[in-house]
Amino acid sequence: MKILVITGTGTEIGKTIVTAAVAAAAQDLRVAVLKPAQTGLAPGEPGDAAEVARLAGAHVTAVELARFPEPLAPETAARRAGLPPVRPHEIAEAAQKLATEHDLVLVEGAGGLLVRYDGQGSTLADAARLMAAPVLVVAPAGLGTLNSTALTTEALRTRGLTCPGVVVGSMPAEPDLASRCNIDDLPVAAGAPLLGAVPAGAGTLAPADFRSRAASWLSAELGGKRPAG
């Protein structure tokens, strides 16, 4: 698994922290994290790729292809800023170049799988198909996650893309009934194993603590120590 695409069932559900956890669990590898389109930040502000590198460690190279100031879908943000969009072939070419220099490339999408990147309606799924890369799905813990996860993994399958599994992006310290049940039900809804659960607030840990704990949140398939569900 030289290139791994990381998407989510929506936005603000923990994709960046899951990406950081996967990168941190790969301490013995040369890791690159690629953010094709960073939205909602001004020039000079640290973006998602930089946050992954901060949490995961010095073995991580952070790369951002484009940045758009408004917190919108990549195509909308690019259009409103009067800037060229990021296209699937550009994402694939950048990831494949990084793969020649690194052991693992993590491509973190924006929002959900089918968010538009350009005026032709291209998505992260199109880039994943060009790379023939598996797509890890990050999902929330609580009520509603089963439907959105099932829709995302179904969209992957209809496009001929492989989903190695699902990771809960922010597991509450005291999960409610739905969150507890979803640990068992998510693999059924996804048709793919549960490969980890990152605790809520993990991104606020000191980087050294984050790195020491990351492997305990993830299954062996992602370089961790947790049994797959």
C-alpha atoms as a PDB file:
ATOM      1  CA  MET A   1       0.000   0.000   0.000  1.00  0.00           C
ATOM      2  CA  LYS A   2       2.283   2.714  -1.303  1.00  0.00           C
ATOM      3  CA  ILE A   3      -0.494   5.327  -1.657  1.00  0.00           C
ATOM      4  CA  LEU A   4      -3.501   5.499   0.650  1.00  0.00           C
ATOM      5  CA  VAL A   5      -6.329   7.954   0.039  1.00  0.00           C
ATOM      6  CA  ILE A   6      -8.169   9.123   3.157  1.00  0.00           C
ATOM      7  CA  THR A   7     -11.698  10.447   2.788  1.00  0.00           C
ATOM      8  CA  GLY A   8     -14.610  11.009   5.115  1.00  0.00           C
ATOM      9  CA  THR A   9     -18.354  10.680   5.220  1.00  0.00           C
ATOM     10  CA  GLY A  10     -18.478  14.463   5.654  1.00  0.00           C
ATOM     11  CA  THR A  11     -16.501  17.403   6.951  1.00  0.00           C
ATOM     12  CA  GLU A  12     -15.102  18.117  10.429  1.00  0.00           C
ATOM     13  CA  ILE A  13     -15.170  14.467  11.482  1.00  0.00           C
ATOM     14  CA  GLY A  14     -11.485  13.861  12.172  1.00  0.00           C
ATOM     15  CA  LYS A  15      -9.837  13.103   8.795  1.00  0.00           C
ATOM     16  CA  THR A  16      -6.727  15.127   9.571  1.00  0.00           C
ATOM     17  CA  ILE A  17      -6.237  13.548  12.993  1.00  0.00           C
ATOM     18  CA  VAL A  18      -6.750  10.058  11.560  1.00  0.00           C
ATOM     19  CA  THR A  19      -4.233  10.879   8.832  1.00  0.00           C
ATOM     20  CA  ALA A  20      -1.808  12.025  11.521  1.00  0.00           C
ATOM     21  CA  ALA A  21      -2.378   8.828  13.492  1.00  0.00           C
ATOM     22  CA  VAL A  22      -1.637   6.655  10.449  1.00  0.00           C
ATOM     23  CA  ALA A  23       1.498   8.716   9.767  1.00  0.00           C
ATOM     24  CA  ALA A  24       2.582   8.502  13.417  1.00  0.00           C
ATOM     25  CA  ALA A  25       2.137   4.728  13.436  1.00  0.00           C
ATOM     26  CA  ALA A  26       4.561   4.554  10.496  1.00  0.00           C
ATOM     27  CA  GLN A  27       7.524   5.946  12.418  1.00  0.00           C
ATOM     28  CA  ASP A  28      10.012   3.684  10.618  1.00  0.00           C
ATOM     29  CA  LEU A  29       8.877   4.779   7.166  1.00  0.00           C
ATOM     30  CA  ARG A  30       9.376   7.861   5.047  1.00  0.00           C
ATOM     31  CA  VAL A  31       5.850   9.284   4.891  1.00  0.00           C
ATOM     32  CA  ALA A  32       4.414  12.055   2.718  1.00  0.00           C
ATOM     33  CA  VAL A  33       1.023  13.604   3.369  1.00  0.00           C
ATOM     34  CA  LEU A  34      -0.585  15.289   0.369  1.00  0.00           C
ATOM     35  CA  LYS A  35      -3.449  17.756   0.750  1.00  0.00           C
ATOM     36  CA  PRO A  36      -4.699  18.444  -2.781  1.00  0.00           C
ATOM     37  CA  ALA A  37      -6.932  21.394  -1.880  1.00  0.00           C
ATOM     38  CA  GLN A  38      -6.764  23.285   1.390  1.00  0.00           C
ATOM     39  CA  THR A  39      -9.743  25.569   1.856  1.00  0.00           C
ATOM     40  CA  GLY A  40     -10.635  28.125   4.491  1.00  0.00           C
ATOM     41  CA  LEU A  41      -7.141  29.379   5.298  1.00  0.00           C
ATOM     42  CA  ALA A  42      -5.148  32.449   4.328  1.00  0.00           C
ATOM     43  CA  PRO A  43      -1.593  32.213   2.981  1.00  0.00           C
ATOM     44  CA  GLY A  44       0.894  31.472   5.731  1.00  0.00           C
ATOM     45  CA  GLU A  45      -1.563  29.784   8.080  1.00  0.00           C
ATOM     46  CA  PRO A  46      -0.701  26.159   8.879  1.00  0.00           C
ATOM     47  CA  GLY A  47      -2.975  23.792   6.998  1.00  0.00           C
ATOM     48  CA  ASP A  48      -4.020  20.184   7.452  1.00  0.00           C
ATOM     49  CA  ALA A  49      -0.833  18.717   5.981  1.00  0.00           C
ATOM     50  CA  ALA A  50       1.287  20.818   8.322  1.00  0.00           C
ATOM     51  CA  GLU A  51      -0.846  19.687  11.267  1.00  0.00           C
ATOM     52  CA  VAL A  52      -0.256  16.049  10.341  1.00  0.00           C
ATOM     53  CA  ALA A  53       3.492  16.661  10.238  1.00  0.00           C
ATOM     54  CA  ARG A  54       3.400  18.509  13.587  1.00  0.00           C
ATOM     55  CA  LEU A  55       1.608  15.677  15.329  1.00  0.00           C
ATOM     56  CA  ALA A  56       3.214  12.719  13.572  1.00  0.00           C
ATOM     57  CA  GLY A  57       6.872  13.713  13.515  1.00  0.00           C
ATOM     58  CA  ALA A  58       9.893  14.692  11.470  1.00  0.00           C
ATOM     59  CA  HIS A  59       9.634  11.612   9.212  1.00  0.00           C
ATOM     60  CA  VAL A  60       6.600  13.223   7.531  1.00  0.00           C
ATOM     61  CA  THR A  61       6.804  15.481   4.478  1.00  0.00           C
ATOM     62  CA  ALA A  62       3.832  17.845   4.150  1.00  0.00           C
ATOM     63  CA  VAL A  63       2.696  18.867   0.656  1.00  0.00           C
ATOM     64  CA  GLU A  64      -0.203  21.106  -0.351  1.00  0.00           C
ATOM     65  CA  LEU A  65      -1.168  21.520  -4.011  1.00  0.00           C
ATOM     66  CA  ALA A  66      -3.530  24.491  -3.775  1.00  0.00           C
ATOM     67  CA  ARG A  67      -5.047  26.789  -1.181  1.00  0.00           C
ATOM     68  CA  PHE A  68      -8.290  28.703  -1.376  1.00  0.00           C
ATOM     69  CA  PRO A  69      -9.271  31.229   1.315  1.00  0.00           C
ATOM     70  CA  GLU A  70     -12.982  30.495   1.788  1.00  0.00           C
ATOM     71  CA  PRO A  71     -14.140  27.411   3.753  1.00  0.00           C
ATOM     72  CA  LEU A  72     -16.088  25.885   0.879  1.00  0.00           C
ATOM     73  CA  ALA A  73     -15.942  22.847  -1.377  1.00  0.00           C
ATOM     74  CA  PRO A  74     -12.737  22.950  -3.473  1.00  0.00           C
ATOM     75  CA  GLU A  75     -14.449  23.730  -6.782  1.00  0.00           C
ATOM     76  CA  THR A  76     -16.591  26.483  -5.270  1.00  0.00           C
ATOM     77  CA  ALA A  77     -13.683  27.958  -3.332  1.00  0.00           C
ATOM     78  CA  ALA A  78     -11.442  27.970  -6.407  1.00  0.00           C
ATOM     79  CA  ARG A  79     -14.114  29.543  -8.599  1.00  0.00           C
ATOM     80  CA  ARG A  80     -14.905  32.283  -6.092  1.00  0.00           C
ATOM     81  CA  ALA A  81     -11.210  33.049  -5.638  1.00  0.00           C
ATOM     82  CA  GLY A  82     -10.646  33.227  -9.388  1.00  0.00           C
ATOM     83  CA  LEU A  83      -8.013  30.508  -9.132  1.00  0.00           C
ATOM     84  CA  PRO A  84      -7.551  27.355 -11.202  1.00  0.00           C
ATOM     85  CA  PRO A  85      -9.052  24.223  -9.619  1.00  0.00           C
ATOM     86  CA  VAL A  86      -7.141  21.116  -8.686  1.00  0.00           C
ATOM     87  CA  ARG A  87      -7.804  18.333 -11.169  1.00  0.00           C
ATOM     88  CA  PRO A  88      -7.610  14.563 -10.587  1.00  0.00           C
ATOM     89  CA  HIS A  89      -4.611  14.025 -12.842  1.00  0.00           C
ATOM     90  CA  GLU A  90      -2.685  16.677 -10.900  1.00  0.00           C
ATOM     91  CA  ILE A  91      -3.446  14.896  -7.627  1.00  0.00           C
ATOM     92  CA  ALA A  92      -2.433  11.543  -9.092  1.00  0.00           C
ATOM     93  CA  GLU A  93       0.775  12.891 -10.611  1.00  0.00           C
ATOM     94  CA  ALA A  94       1.795  14.583  -7.355  1.00  0.00           C
ATOM     95  CA  ALA A  95       1.081  11.471  -5.287  1.00  0.00           C
ATOM     96  CA  GLN A  96       2.914   9.181  -7.692  1.00  0.00           C
ATOM     97  CA  LYS A  97       5.961  11.471  -7.683  1.00  0.00           C
ATOM     98  CA  LEU A  98       5.967  11.486  -3.885  1.00  0.00           C
ATOM     99  CA  ALA A  99       5.711   7.693  -3.926  1.00  0.00           C
ATOM    100  CA  THR A 100       9.070   7.504  -5.721  1.00  0.00           C
ATOM    101  CA  GLU A 101      10.698   9.304  -2.791  1.00  0.00           C
ATOM    102  CA  HIS A 102       8.687   7.961   0.165  1.00  0.00           C
ATOM    103  CA  ASP A 103       7.567   4.613   1.544  1.00  0.00           C
ATOM    104  CA  LEU A 104       3.977   5.730   2.153  1.00  0.00           C
ATOM    105  CA  VAL A 105       1.908   8.571   0.688  1.00  0.00           C
ATOM    106  CA  LEU A 106      -1.281   9.637   2.458  1.00  0.00           C
ATOM    107  CA  VAL A 107      -3.660  11.709   0.330  1.00  0.00           C
ATOM    108  CA  GLU A 108      -6.184  13.540   2.517  1.00  0.00           C
ATOM    109  CA  GLY A 109      -9.291  14.751   0.743  1.00  0.00           C
ATOM    110  CA  ALA A 110     -11.524  17.710   1.539  1.00  0.00           C
ATOM    111  CA  GLY A 111     -14.980  17.014   2.954  1.00  0.00           C
ATOM    112  CA  GLY A 112     -16.567  13.810   1.672  1.00  0.00           C
ATOM    113  CA  LEU A 113     -15.710  11.479  -1.185  1.00  0.00           C
ATOM    114  CA  LEU A 114     -17.861  13.115  -3.877  1.00  0.00           C
ATOM    115  CA  VAL A 115     -17.140  16.781  -3.158  1.00  0.00           C
ATOM    116  CA  ARG A 116     -16.418  18.538  -6.463  1.00  0.00           C
ATOM    117  CA  TYR A 117     -12.862  19.605  -7.232  1.00  0.00           C
ATOM    118  CA  ASP A 118     -13.450  21.230 -10.623  1.00  0.00           C
ATOM    119  CA  GLY A 119     -16.164  22.429 -12.970  1.00  0.00           C
ATOM    120  CA  GLN A 120     -16.419  19.016 -14.637  1.00  0.00           C
ATOM    121  CA  GLY A 121     -17.562  17.479 -11.370  1.00  0.00           C
ATOM    122  CA  SER A 122     -14.339  15.586 -10.727  1.00  0.00           C
ATOM    123  CA  THR A 123     -13.921  14.155  -7.239  1.00  0.00           C
ATOM    124  CA  LEU A 124     -11.348  12.543  -5.001  1.00  0.00           C
ATOM    125  CA  ALA A 125     -12.700   9.199  -6.206  1.00  0.00           C
ATOM    126  CA  ASP A 126     -11.539  10.068  -9.732  1.00  0.00           C
ATOM    127  CA  ALA A 127      -8.033  10.761  -8.439  1.00  0.00           C
ATOM    128  CA  ALA A 128      -8.025   7.506  -6.459  1.00  0.00           C
ATOM    129  CA  ARG A 129      -9.033   5.610  -9.601  1.00  0.00           C
ATOM    130  CA  LEU A 130      -6.162   7.153 -11.579  1.00  0.00           C
ATOM    131  CA  MET A 131      -3.770   6.040  -8.837  1.00  0.00           C
ATOM    132  CA  ALA A 132      -5.433   2.631  -8.344  1.00  0.00           C
ATOM    133  CA  ALA A 133      -5.190   3.485  -4.647  1.00  0.00           C
ATOM    134  CA  PRO A 134      -7.292   2.114  -1.774  1.00  0.00           C
ATOM    135  CA  VAL A 135      -9.553   4.587   0.031  1.00  0.00           C
ATOM    136  CA  LEU A 136      -9.800   4.606   3.828  1.00  0.00           C
ATOM    137  CA  VAL A 137     -13.086   6.043   5.136  1.00  0.00           C
ATOM    138  CA  VAL A 138     -13.230   8.183   8.280  1.00  0.00           C
ATOM    139  CA  ALA A 139     -16.638   8.276   9.956  1.00  0.00           C
ATOM    140  CA  PRO A 140     -18.152   9.923  13.022  1.00  0.00           C
ATOM    141  CA  ALA A 141     -19.161   7.778  15.970  1.00  0.00           C
ATOM    142  CA  GLY A 142     -22.747   8.809  16.621  1.00  0.00           C
ATOM    143  CA  LEU A 143     -26.254   8.675  15.268  1.00  0.00           C
ATOM    144  CA  GLY A 144     -26.497   8.919  11.462  1.00  0.00           C
ATOM    145  CA  THR A 145     -23.073   7.507  10.726  1.00  0.00           C
ATOM    146  CA  LEU A 146     -24.328   4.143   9.462  1.00  0.00           C
ATOM    147  CA  ASN A 147     -26.196   5.672   6.526  1.00  0.00           C
ATOM    148  CA  SER A 148     -23.439   8.083   5.487  1.00  0.00           C
ATOM    149  CA  THR A 149     -20.810   5.368   5.793  1.00  0.00           C
ATOM    150  CA  ALA A 150     -22.870   2.914   3.739  1.00  0.00           C
ATOM    151  CA  LEU A 151     -23.381   5.557   1.037  1.00  0.00           C
ATOM    152  CA  THR A 152     -19.666   6.356   0.900  1.00  0.00           C
ATOM    153  CA  THR A 153     -18.506   2.759   0.659  1.00  0.00           C
ATOM    154  CA  GLU A 154     -21.205   1.953  -1.886  1.00  0.00           C
ATOM    155  CA  ALA A 155     -19.957   4.851  -4.007  1.00  0.00           C
ATOM    156  CA  LEU A 156     -16.439   3.411  -3.780  1.00  0.00           C
ATOM    157  CA  ARG A 157     -17.547  -0.050  -4.843  1.00  0.00           C
ATOM    158  CA  THR A 158     -19.574   1.238  -7.817  1.00  0.00           C
ATOM    159  CA  ARG A 159     -16.402   2.988  -9.021  1.00  0.00           C
ATOM    160  CA  GLY A 160     -14.283  -0.131  -8.664  1.00  0.00           C
ATOM    161  CA  LEU A 161     -12.328   1.285  -5.737  1.00  0.00           C
ATOM    162  CA  THR A 162     -11.082  -0.715  -2.769  1.00  0.00           C
ATOM    163  CA  CYS A 163     -11.977   0.290   0.782  1.00  0.00           C
ATOM    164  CA  PRO A 164      -9.652  -1.393   3.305  1.00  0.00           C
ATOM    165  CA  GLY A 165     -11.856  -0.256   6.164  1.00  0.00           C
ATOM    166  CA  VAL A 166     -13.310   2.470   8.333  1.00  0.00           C
ATOM    167  CA  VAL A 167     -11.844   4.482  11.202  1.00  0.00           C
ATOM    168  CA  VAL A 168     -13.932   6.415  13.718  1.00  0.00           C
ATOM    169  CA  GLY A 169     -12.469   9.895  13.656  1.00  0.00           C
ATOM    170  CA  SER A 170     -13.489  11.130  17.103  1.00  0.00           C
ATOM    171  CA  MET A 171     -14.669   8.580  19.657  1.00  0.00           C
ATOM    172  CA  PRO A 172     -16.169  10.204  22.772  1.00  0.00           C
ATOM    173  CA  ALA A 173     -14.627   9.319  26.130  1.00  0.00           C
ATOM    174  CA  GLU A 174     -18.140   8.482  27.323  1.00  0.00           C
ATOM    175  CA  PRO A 175     -19.947   7.240  24.200  1.00  0.00           C
ATOM    176  CA  ASP A 176     -23.725   7.314  24.103  1.00  0.00           C
ATOM    177  CA  LEU A 177     -25.838   4.309  23.164  1.00  0.00           C
ATOM    178  CA  ALA A 178     -25.672   4.985  19.423  1.00  0.00           C
ATOM    179  CA  SER A 179     -21.878   5.368  19.471  1.00  0.00           C
ATOM    180  CA  ARG A 180     -21.450   2.126  21.398  1.00  0.00           C
ATOM    181  CA  CYS A 181     -23.730   0.202  19.051  1.00  0.00           C
ATOM    182  CA  ASN A 182     -22.083   1.716  15.988  1.00  0.00           C
ATOM    183  CA  ILE A 183     -18.745   0.118  16.867  1.00  0.00           C
ATOM    184  CA  ASP A 184     -20.372  -3.231  16.051  1.00  0.00           C
ATOM    185  CA  ASP A 185     -22.633  -1.969  13.270  1.00  0.00           C
ATOM    186  CA  LEU A 186     -20.203   0.142  11.232  1.00  0.00           C
ATOM    187  CA  PRO A 187     -18.391  -2.836   9.648  1.00  0.00           C
ATOM    188  CA  VAL A 188     -21.749  -4.261   8.569  1.00  0.00           C
ATOM    189  CA  ALA A 189     -22.898  -0.952   7.078  1.00  0.00           C
ATOM    190  CA  ALA A 190     -19.564  -0.387   5.368  1.00  0.00           C
ATOM    191  CA  GLY A 191     -18.997  -3.922   4.146  1.00  0.00           C
ATOM    192  CA  ALA A 192     -15.448  -3.386   5.405  1.00  0.00           C
ATOM    193  CA  PRO A 193     -13.713  -3.820   8.769  1.00  0.00           C
ATOM    194  CA  LEU A 194     -13.413  -1.229  11.495  1.00  0.00           C
ATOM    195  CA  LEU A 195      -9.696  -0.434  11.510  1.00  0.00           C
ATOM    196  CA  GLY A 196      -9.565   1.932  14.450  1.00  0.00           C
ATOM    197  CA  ALA A 197     -11.117   4.594  16.603  1.00  0.00           C
ATOM    198  CA  VAL A 198      -9.271   7.801  17.464  1.00  0.00           C
ATOM    199  CA  PRO A 199     -10.348   9.328  20.777  1.00  0.00           C
ATOM    200  CA  ALA A 200     -12.012  12.732  20.787  1.00  0.00           C
ATOM    201  CA  GLY A 201      -9.514  15.457  21.545  1.00  0.00           C
ATOM    202  CA  ALA A 202      -6.512  13.466  20.323  1.00  0.00           C
ATOM    203  CA  GLY A 203      -5.367  16.430  18.257  1.00  0.00           C
ATOM    204  CA  THR A 204      -4.871  18.490  21.413  1.00  0.00           C
ATOM    205  CA  LEU A 205      -2.297  16.071  22.820  1.00  0.00           C
ATOM    206  CA  ALA A 206       1.337  17.069  22.893  1.00  0.00           C
ATOM    207  CA  PRO A 207       2.984  15.641  19.765  1.00  0.00           C
ATOM    208  CA  ALA A 208       5.136  13.210  21.764  1.00  0.00           C
ATOM    209  CA  ASP A 209       2.039  11.834  23.522  1.00  0.00           C
ATOM    210  CA  PHE A 210       0.153  11.637  20.235  1.00  0.00           C
ATOM    211  CA  ARG A 211       2.967   9.628  18.638  1.00  0.00           C
ATOM    212  CA  SER A 212       3.275   7.240  21.559  1.00  0.00           C
ATOM    213  CA  ARG A 213      -0.466   6.506  21.583  1.00  0.00           C
ATOM    214  CA  ALA A 214      -1.325   6.496  17.873  1.00  0.00           C
ATOM    215  CA  ALA A 215      -0.604   2.810  17.278  1.00  0.00           C
ATOM    216  CA  SER A 216      -3.047   1.816  20.037  1.00  0.00           C
ATOM    217  CA  TRP A 217      -5.897   3.505  18.146  1.00  0.00           C
ATOM    218  CA  LEU A 218      -5.331   1.664  14.856  1.00  0.00           C
ATOM    219  CA  SER A 219      -5.358  -1.926  13.666  1.00  0.00           C
ATOM    220  CA  ALA A 220      -2.341  -3.740  12.259  1.00  0.00           C
ATOM    221  CA  GLU A 221      -3.564  -3.053   8.715  1.00  0.00           C
ATOM    222  CA  LEU A 222      -2.760   0.613   9.393  1.00  0.00           C
ATOM    223  CA  GLY A 223       0.445  -0.037  11.290  1.00  0.00           C
ATOM    224  CA  GLY A 224      -1.173  -0.151  14.700  1.00  0.00           C
ATOM    225  CA  LYS A 225      -1.764  -2.638  17.502  1.00  0.00           C
ATOM    226  CA  ARG A 226      -5.535  -2.640  17.874  1.00  0.00           C
ATOM    227  CA  PRO A 227      -7.461  -5.749  16.702  1.00  0.00           C
ATOM    228  CA  ALA A 228      -9.542  -5.116  13.589  1.00  0.00           C
ATOM    229  CA  GLY A 229     -13.315  -5.081  14.122  1.00  0.00           C
END
